[in-house]
Amino acid sequence: MYLNTPNSGHSQRYDASQVPSTPTNAPRMGVRPLPPSPHTPNSPMPPYQARHAVAFHHYGLMTPPDSPEKPAHHGRGRTLDFHPTVDARGPPLSFDIRMGTHLSGTAAGSPAVNYPAGRLLVNIGPNAIVVEIVPSNGTTPTVSDVVGQLAYALKTRASPAEIANAVQFGLAFPHSIAANTTRAGLLSVKYTFAGFTLRSVQNGVAFVDCHLI
């Protein structure tokens, strides 16, 4: 058998036996597909469904960490600033601050604050009403002192400044405030106890924010 090969326009004839061939026992390379790219999904992505788009809500700027409106976050295992029944991270007791609540067990006589403080200046709201809590027996106010003295202090007559603050900070509606109203009468919107957070302790006085919901 002869083969014709082009060579500068002239045909030459070669014997087929002179053409090199692949040995029959030579290894053959199998053809395999390449693995998929790590950035390419194996299956097509589902089409975007516009009708299932999540609505976006804007809640305003974040409250600064040192603001009384945002209780401080402490790591797990950290000691609370107050007794668990009155600490905002306790979780605290839930009760109407205008009425007080019944305390049972050992909590009533336990120190309310875990610092050497002989007085608590409690800022209710906060920024609306300030109440002083003093120990009825001993050197440190107890949980019972806190609950009882808060309810007692709220029965006193509200000052013009406290009325203005309660309206400004959303604790009361202006039309709901009667003449000669008490402090408790200012808490017509928010009055459920939500715990204390500590601002500072100075010269034996603990400055406290009382949160309401």
C-alpha atoms as a PDB file:
ATOM      1  CA  MET A   1       0.000   0.000   0.000  1.00  0.00           C
ATOM      2  CA  TYR A   2       1.291   3.481  -0.881  1.00  0.00           C
ATOM      3  CA  LEU A   3       0.449   6.923   0.438  1.00  0.00           C
ATOM      4  CA  ASN A   4       0.516  10.201  -1.477  1.00  0.00           C
ATOM      5  CA  THR A   5       1.943  13.137   0.496  1.00  0.00           C
ATOM      6  CA  PRO A   6       2.202  16.727  -0.719  1.00  0.00           C
ATOM      7  CA  ASN A   7       5.729  18.063  -0.952  1.00  0.00           C
ATOM      8  CA  SER A   8       6.274  21.399  -2.713  1.00  0.00           C
ATOM      9  CA  GLY A   9       3.596  20.593  -5.288  1.00  0.00           C
ATOM     10  CA  HIS A  10       4.979  17.181  -6.161  1.00  0.00           C
ATOM     11  CA  SER A  11       3.537  13.883  -5.045  1.00  0.00           C
ATOM     12  CA  GLN A  12       5.727  11.268  -3.505  1.00  0.00           C
ATOM     13  CA  ARG A  13       4.740   7.735  -2.791  1.00  0.00           C
ATOM     14  CA  TYR A  14       5.623   5.929   0.470  1.00  0.00           C
ATOM     15  CA  ASP A  15       5.159   2.388   1.451  1.00  0.00           C
ATOM     16  CA  ALA A  16       2.583   2.180   4.286  1.00  0.00           C
ATOM     17  CA  SER A  17       4.855  -0.237   6.075  1.00  0.00           C
ATOM     18  CA  GLN A  18       7.357   2.614   6.455  1.00  0.00           C
ATOM     19  CA  VAL A  19       4.863   4.812   8.399  1.00  0.00           C
ATOM     20  CA  PRO A  20       5.285   4.410  12.202  1.00  0.00           C
ATOM     21  CA  SER A  21       2.238   3.006  13.977  1.00  0.00           C
ATOM     22  CA  THR A  22       1.114   2.797  17.631  1.00  0.00           C
ATOM     23  CA  PRO A  23       1.896  -0.560  19.242  1.00  0.00           C
ATOM     24  CA  THR A  24      -1.227  -2.544  20.067  1.00  0.00           C
ATOM     25  CA  ASN A  25      -0.083  -3.030  23.700  1.00  0.00           C
ATOM     26  CA  ALA A  26       0.639   0.677  24.361  1.00  0.00           C
ATOM     27  CA  PRO A  27      -1.284   2.252  27.305  1.00  0.00           C
ATOM     28  CA  ARG A  28      -4.250   4.370  26.251  1.00  0.00           C
ATOM     29  CA  MET A  29      -5.334   7.577  28.021  1.00  0.00           C
ATOM     30  CA  GLY A  30      -8.968   7.597  29.107  1.00  0.00           C
ATOM     31  CA  VAL A  31     -11.004  10.751  28.683  1.00  0.00           C
ATOM     32  CA  ARG A  32     -12.509  12.040  31.927  1.00  0.00           C
ATOM     33  CA  PRO A  33     -14.440  15.248  32.559  1.00  0.00           C
ATOM     34  CA  LEU A  34     -12.744  17.951  34.626  1.00  0.00           C
ATOM     35  CA  PRO A  35     -14.070  18.483  38.184  1.00  0.00           C
ATOM     36  CA  PRO A  36     -16.369  21.459  38.578  1.00  0.00           C
ATOM     37  CA  SER A  37     -14.858  24.786  39.593  1.00  0.00           C
ATOM     38  CA  PRO A  38     -15.188  25.614  43.314  1.00  0.00           C
ATOM     39  CA  HIS A  39     -16.942  28.825  42.266  1.00  0.00           C
ATOM     40  CA  THR A  40     -19.376  27.064  39.958  1.00  0.00           C
ATOM     41  CA  PRO A  41     -22.445  25.371  41.506  1.00  0.00           C
ATOM     42  CA  ASN A  42     -23.209  21.842  40.353  1.00  0.00           C
ATOM     43  CA  SER A  43     -26.815  22.800  39.808  1.00  0.00           C
ATOM     44  CA  PRO A  44     -28.253  25.999  38.437  1.00  0.00           C
ATOM     45  CA  MET A  45     -29.364  28.610  40.975  1.00  0.00           C
ATOM     46  CA  PRO A  46     -33.119  29.029  41.285  1.00  0.00           C
ATOM     47  CA  PRO A  47     -34.468  32.204  39.765  1.00  0.00           C
ATOM     48  CA  TYR A  48     -34.875  35.171  42.164  1.00  0.00           C
ATOM     49  CA  GLN A  49     -38.442  35.553  43.321  1.00  0.00           C
ATOM     50  CA  ALA A  50     -39.108  39.255  43.731  1.00  0.00           C
ATOM     51  CA  ARG A  51     -42.396  38.660  45.469  1.00  0.00           C
ATOM     52  CA  HIS A  52     -40.584  37.073  48.438  1.00  0.00           C
ATOM     53  CA  ALA A  53     -38.266  40.012  49.087  1.00  0.00           C
ATOM     54  CA  VAL A  54     -37.755  40.752  52.772  1.00  0.00           C
ATOM     55  CA  ALA A  55     -39.019  44.116  53.937  1.00  0.00           C
ATOM     56  CA  PHE A  56     -36.438  46.472  55.467  1.00  0.00           C
ATOM     57  CA  HIS A  57     -37.224  48.340  58.647  1.00  0.00           C
ATOM     58  CA  HIS A  58     -35.208  51.288  59.908  1.00  0.00           C
ATOM     59  CA  TYR A  59     -35.063  51.520  63.678  1.00  0.00           C
ATOM     60  CA  GLY A  60     -32.910  54.631  63.994  1.00  0.00           C
ATOM     61  CA  LEU A  61     -29.488  55.074  65.493  1.00  0.00           C
ATOM     62  CA  MET A  62     -28.140  52.653  68.056  1.00  0.00           C
ATOM     63  CA  THR A  63     -28.284  53.753  71.684  1.00  0.00           C
ATOM     64  CA  PRO A  64     -24.813  54.549  73.077  1.00  0.00           C
ATOM     65  CA  PRO A  65     -23.517  51.797  75.398  1.00  0.00           C
ATOM     66  CA  ASP A  66     -23.414  54.162  78.392  1.00  0.00           C
ATOM     67  CA  SER A  67     -26.974  55.369  77.909  1.00  0.00           C
ATOM     68  CA  PRO A  68     -29.498  54.402  80.617  1.00  0.00           C
ATOM     69  CA  GLU A  69     -31.866  53.306  77.835  1.00  0.00           C
ATOM     70  CA  LYS A  70     -29.580  50.413  76.983  1.00  0.00           C
ATOM     71  CA  PRO A  71     -28.629  48.101  79.851  1.00  0.00           C
ATOM     72  CA  ALA A  72     -24.956  47.087  79.776  1.00  0.00           C
ATOM     73  CA  HIS A  73     -24.146  43.619  78.436  1.00  0.00           C
ATOM     74  CA  HIS A  74     -21.783  41.496  80.519  1.00  0.00           C
ATOM     75  CA  GLY A  75     -20.151  38.211  79.676  1.00  0.00           C
ATOM     76  CA  ARG A  76     -21.514  34.945  81.007  1.00  0.00           C
ATOM     77  CA  GLY A  77     -20.513  34.346  84.591  1.00  0.00           C
ATOM     78  CA  ARG A  78     -20.110  38.006  85.517  1.00  0.00           C
ATOM     79  CA  THR A  79     -21.566  39.100  88.858  1.00  0.00           C
ATOM     80  CA  LEU A  80     -24.792  41.078  88.734  1.00  0.00           C
ATOM     81  CA  ASP A  81     -24.823  44.624  90.100  1.00  0.00           C
ATOM     82  CA  PHE A  82     -28.041  43.977  92.047  1.00  0.00           C
ATOM     83  CA  HIS A  83     -29.984  41.112  93.541  1.00  0.00           C
ATOM     84  CA  PRO A  84     -31.398  39.000  90.661  1.00  0.00           C
ATOM     85  CA  THR A  85     -34.968  39.964  91.571  1.00  0.00           C
ATOM     86  CA  VAL A  86     -34.260  43.658  90.816  1.00  0.00           C
ATOM     87  CA  ASP A  87     -31.396  43.488  88.301  1.00  0.00           C
ATOM     88  CA  ALA A  88     -32.369  44.107  84.667  1.00  0.00           C
ATOM     89  CA  ARG A  89     -30.209  41.096  83.733  1.00  0.00           C
ATOM     90  CA  GLY A  90     -31.659  38.917  86.531  1.00  0.00           C
ATOM     91  CA  PRO A  91     -34.286  38.532  85.057  1.00  0.00           C
ATOM     92  CA  PRO A  92     -36.138  40.771  87.528  1.00  0.00           C
ATOM     93  CA  LEU A  93     -39.550  40.501  89.119  1.00  0.00           C
ATOM     94  CA  SER A  94     -42.375  41.845  86.971  1.00  0.00           C
ATOM     95  CA  PHE A  95     -44.888  43.958  88.876  1.00  0.00           C
ATOM     96  CA  ASP A  96     -46.747  47.249  88.836  1.00  0.00           C
ATOM     97  CA  ILE A  97     -44.273  49.658  90.378  1.00  0.00           C
ATOM     98  CA  ARG A  98     -47.144  51.853  91.617  1.00  0.00           C
ATOM     99  CA  MET A  99     -48.548  49.027  93.742  1.00  0.00           C
ATOM    100  CA  GLY A 100     -45.502  47.018  94.812  1.00  0.00           C
ATOM    101  CA  THR A 101     -45.567  43.239  95.122  1.00  0.00           C
ATOM    102  CA  HIS A 102     -45.492  40.473  97.714  1.00  0.00           C
ATOM    103  CA  LEU A 103     -42.043  39.046  98.397  1.00  0.00           C
ATOM    104  CA  SER A 104     -41.522  35.561  99.747  1.00  0.00           C
ATOM    105  CA  GLY A 105     -38.501  33.556 100.796  1.00  0.00           C
ATOM    106  CA  THR A 106     -35.095  35.001 101.512  1.00  0.00           C
ATOM    107  CA  ALA A 107     -35.150  37.562  98.690  1.00  0.00           C
ATOM    108  CA  ALA A 108     -37.014  40.175 100.776  1.00  0.00           C
ATOM    109  CA  GLY A 109     -34.201  40.582 103.314  1.00  0.00           C
ATOM    110  CA  SER A 110     -31.338  40.246 100.823  1.00  0.00           C
ATOM    111  CA  PRO A 111     -29.195  43.285  99.952  1.00  0.00           C
ATOM    112  CA  ALA A 112     -30.593  44.976  96.863  1.00  0.00           C
ATOM    113  CA  VAL A 113     -27.194  46.126  95.567  1.00  0.00           C
ATOM    114  CA  ASN A 114     -23.939  44.166  95.451  1.00  0.00           C
ATOM    115  CA  TYR A 115     -21.748  47.146  96.373  1.00  0.00           C
ATOM    116  CA  PRO A 116     -21.122  48.937  99.679  1.00  0.00           C
ATOM    117  CA  ALA A 117     -23.876  51.513  99.255  1.00  0.00           C
ATOM    118  CA  GLY A 118     -26.004  52.924 102.030  1.00  0.00           C
ATOM    119  CA  ARG A 119     -28.422  54.717  99.698  1.00  0.00           C
ATOM    120  CA  LEU A 120     -29.888  54.241  96.237  1.00  0.00           C
ATOM    121  CA  LEU A 121     -30.876  57.216  94.116  1.00  0.00           C
ATOM    122  CA  VAL A 122     -33.315  55.647  91.680  1.00  0.00           C
ATOM    123  CA  ASN A 123     -33.968  57.445  88.409  1.00  0.00           C
ATOM    124  CA  ILE A 124     -37.371  56.190  87.216  1.00  0.00           C
ATOM    125  CA  GLY A 125     -38.278  56.189  83.577  1.00  0.00           C
ATOM    126  CA  PRO A 126     -35.472  57.037  83.445  1.00  0.00           C
ATOM    127  CA  ASN A 127     -35.154  60.842  83.579  1.00  0.00           C
ATOM    128  CA  ALA A 128     -38.640  61.483  84.957  1.00  0.00           C
ATOM    129  CA  ILE A 129     -38.746  60.856  88.722  1.00  0.00           C
ATOM    130  CA  VAL A 130     -35.949  60.383  91.266  1.00  0.00           C
ATOM    131  CA  VAL A 131     -36.623  58.374  94.448  1.00  0.00           C
ATOM    132  CA  GLU A 132     -34.220  57.821  97.336  1.00  0.00           C
ATOM    133  CA  ILE A 133     -34.100  54.327  98.872  1.00  0.00           C
ATOM    134  CA  VAL A 134     -32.553  53.966 102.329  1.00  0.00           C
ATOM    135  CA  PRO A 135     -32.077  50.875 104.531  1.00  0.00           C
ATOM    136  CA  SER A 136     -34.857  50.293 107.016  1.00  0.00           C
ATOM    137  CA  ASN A 137     -32.586  48.060 109.063  1.00  0.00           C
ATOM    138  CA  GLY A 138     -28.858  47.649 108.677  1.00  0.00           C
ATOM    139  CA  THR A 139     -26.447  49.441 106.366  1.00  0.00           C
ATOM    140  CA  THR A 140     -27.620  48.441 102.875  1.00  0.00           C
ATOM    141  CA  PRO A 141     -31.116  48.715 101.343  1.00  0.00           C
ATOM    142  CA  THR A 142     -32.785  45.344 100.888  1.00  0.00           C
ATOM    143  CA  VAL A 143     -35.043  44.086  98.119  1.00  0.00           C
ATOM    144  CA  SER A 144     -37.983  44.696 100.445  1.00  0.00           C
ATOM    145  CA  ASP A 145     -36.820  48.300 100.975  1.00  0.00           C
ATOM    146  CA  VAL A 146     -36.707  48.820  97.208  1.00  0.00           C
ATOM    147  CA  VAL A 147     -40.185  47.459  96.487  1.00  0.00           C
ATOM    148  CA  GLY A 148     -41.857  49.103  99.490  1.00  0.00           C
ATOM    149  CA  GLN A 149     -40.204  52.503  99.303  1.00  0.00           C
ATOM    150  CA  LEU A 150     -40.721  52.843  95.542  1.00  0.00           C
ATOM    151  CA  ALA A 151     -44.474  52.282  95.948  1.00  0.00           C
ATOM    152  CA  TYR A 152     -44.619  54.658  98.954  1.00  0.00           C
ATOM    153  CA  ALA A 153     -42.656  57.426  97.201  1.00  0.00           C
ATOM    154  CA  LEU A 154     -44.902  57.255  94.133  1.00  0.00           C
ATOM    155  CA  LYS A 155     -47.902  58.095  96.313  1.00  0.00           C
ATOM    156  CA  THR A 156     -46.519  61.569  97.008  1.00  0.00           C
ATOM    157  CA  ARG A 157     -47.573  64.596  94.997  1.00  0.00           C
ATOM    158  CA  ALA A 158     -45.789  65.160  91.663  1.00  0.00           C
ATOM    159  CA  SER A 159     -43.864  68.376  91.108  1.00  0.00           C
ATOM    160  CA  PRO A 160     -44.327  70.489  87.937  1.00  0.00           C
ATOM    161  CA  ALA A 161     -40.883  69.386  86.749  1.00  0.00           C
ATOM    162  CA  GLU A 162     -41.756  65.711  87.199  1.00  0.00           C
ATOM    163  CA  ILE A 163     -45.011  66.209  85.289  1.00  0.00           C
ATOM    164  CA  ALA A 164     -43.158  67.825  82.390  1.00  0.00           C
ATOM    165  CA  ASN A 165     -40.528  65.046  82.383  1.00  0.00           C
ATOM    166  CA  ALA A 166     -43.127  62.260  82.455  1.00  0.00           C
ATOM    167  CA  VAL A 167     -44.838  63.715  79.388  1.00  0.00           C
ATOM    168  CA  GLN A 168     -41.547  64.364  77.579  1.00  0.00           C
ATOM    169  CA  PHE A 169     -40.248  60.827  78.087  1.00  0.00           C
ATOM    170  CA  GLY A 170     -43.512  59.096  77.198  1.00  0.00           C
ATOM    171  CA  LEU A 171     -44.554  57.860  80.639  1.00  0.00           C
ATOM    172  CA  ALA A 172     -47.886  59.700  80.607  1.00  0.00           C
ATOM    173  CA  PHE A 173     -50.314  61.349  78.206  1.00  0.00           C
ATOM    174  CA  PRO A 174     -50.824  65.079  78.841  1.00  0.00           C
ATOM    175  CA  HIS A 175     -54.627  64.754  78.889  1.00  0.00           C
ATOM    176  CA  SER A 176     -54.471  61.955  81.492  1.00  0.00           C
ATOM    177  CA  ILE A 177     -52.771  64.057  84.170  1.00  0.00           C
ATOM    178  CA  ALA A 178     -55.223  65.341  86.757  1.00  0.00           C
ATOM    179  CA  ALA A 179     -54.713  68.333  89.019  1.00  0.00           C
ATOM    180  CA  ASN A 180     -52.682  67.592  92.154  1.00  0.00           C
ATOM    181  CA  THR A 181     -51.711  64.244  90.674  1.00  0.00           C
ATOM    182  CA  THR A 182     -49.342  61.907  92.455  1.00  0.00           C
ATOM    183  CA  ARG A 183     -46.148  60.517  91.000  1.00  0.00           C
ATOM    184  CA  ALA A 184     -47.948  57.232  90.447  1.00  0.00           C
ATOM    185  CA  GLY A 185     -50.516  59.143  88.410  1.00  0.00           C
ATOM    186  CA  LEU A 186     -47.734  60.102  85.987  1.00  0.00           C
ATOM    187  CA  LEU A 187     -47.100  56.455  85.103  1.00  0.00           C
ATOM    188  CA  SER A 188     -50.132  55.822  82.945  1.00  0.00           C
ATOM    189  CA  VAL A 189     -48.235  54.424  79.932  1.00  0.00           C
ATOM    190  CA  LYS A 190     -45.240  52.605  81.407  1.00  0.00           C
ATOM    191  CA  TYR A 191     -45.445  51.245  84.941  1.00  0.00           C
ATOM    192  CA  THR A 192     -44.265  47.609  84.917  1.00  0.00           C
ATOM    193  CA  PHE A 193     -40.930  47.113  86.651  1.00  0.00           C
ATOM    194  CA  ALA A 194     -38.180  45.913  84.274  1.00  0.00           C
ATOM    195  CA  GLY A 195     -35.168  46.045  86.572  1.00  0.00           C
ATOM    196  CA  PHE A 196     -32.294  48.271  87.647  1.00  0.00           C
ATOM    197  CA  THR A 197     -29.074  49.145  85.852  1.00  0.00           C
ATOM    198  CA  LEU A 198     -26.184  50.800  87.657  1.00  0.00           C
ATOM    199  CA  ARG A 199     -24.718  54.120  86.596  1.00  0.00           C
ATOM    200  CA  SER A 200     -22.098  54.523  89.314  1.00  0.00           C
ATOM    201  CA  VAL A 201     -21.326  54.235  93.022  1.00  0.00           C
ATOM    202  CA  GLN A 202     -19.918  57.349  94.654  1.00  0.00           C
ATOM    203  CA  ASN A 203     -19.298  57.952  98.359  1.00  0.00           C
ATOM    204  CA  GLY A 204     -21.623  55.152  99.395  1.00  0.00           C
ATOM    205  CA  VAL A 205     -24.452  56.236  97.086  1.00  0.00           C
ATOM    206  CA  ALA A 206     -25.521  54.038  94.149  1.00  0.00           C
ATOM    207  CA  PHE A 207     -26.962  55.939  91.197  1.00  0.00           C
ATOM    208  CA  VAL A 208     -29.502  53.660  89.582  1.00  0.00           C
ATOM    209  CA  ASP A 209     -31.757  53.674  86.526  1.00  0.00           C
ATOM    210  CA  CYS A 210     -35.144  51.998  86.950  1.00  0.00           C
ATOM    211  CA  HIS A 211     -36.531  50.689  83.659  1.00  0.00           C
ATOM    212  CA  LEU A 212     -40.250  50.429  82.952  1.00  0.00           C
ATOM    213  CA  ILE A 213     -42.223  48.724  80.214  1.00  0.00           C
END
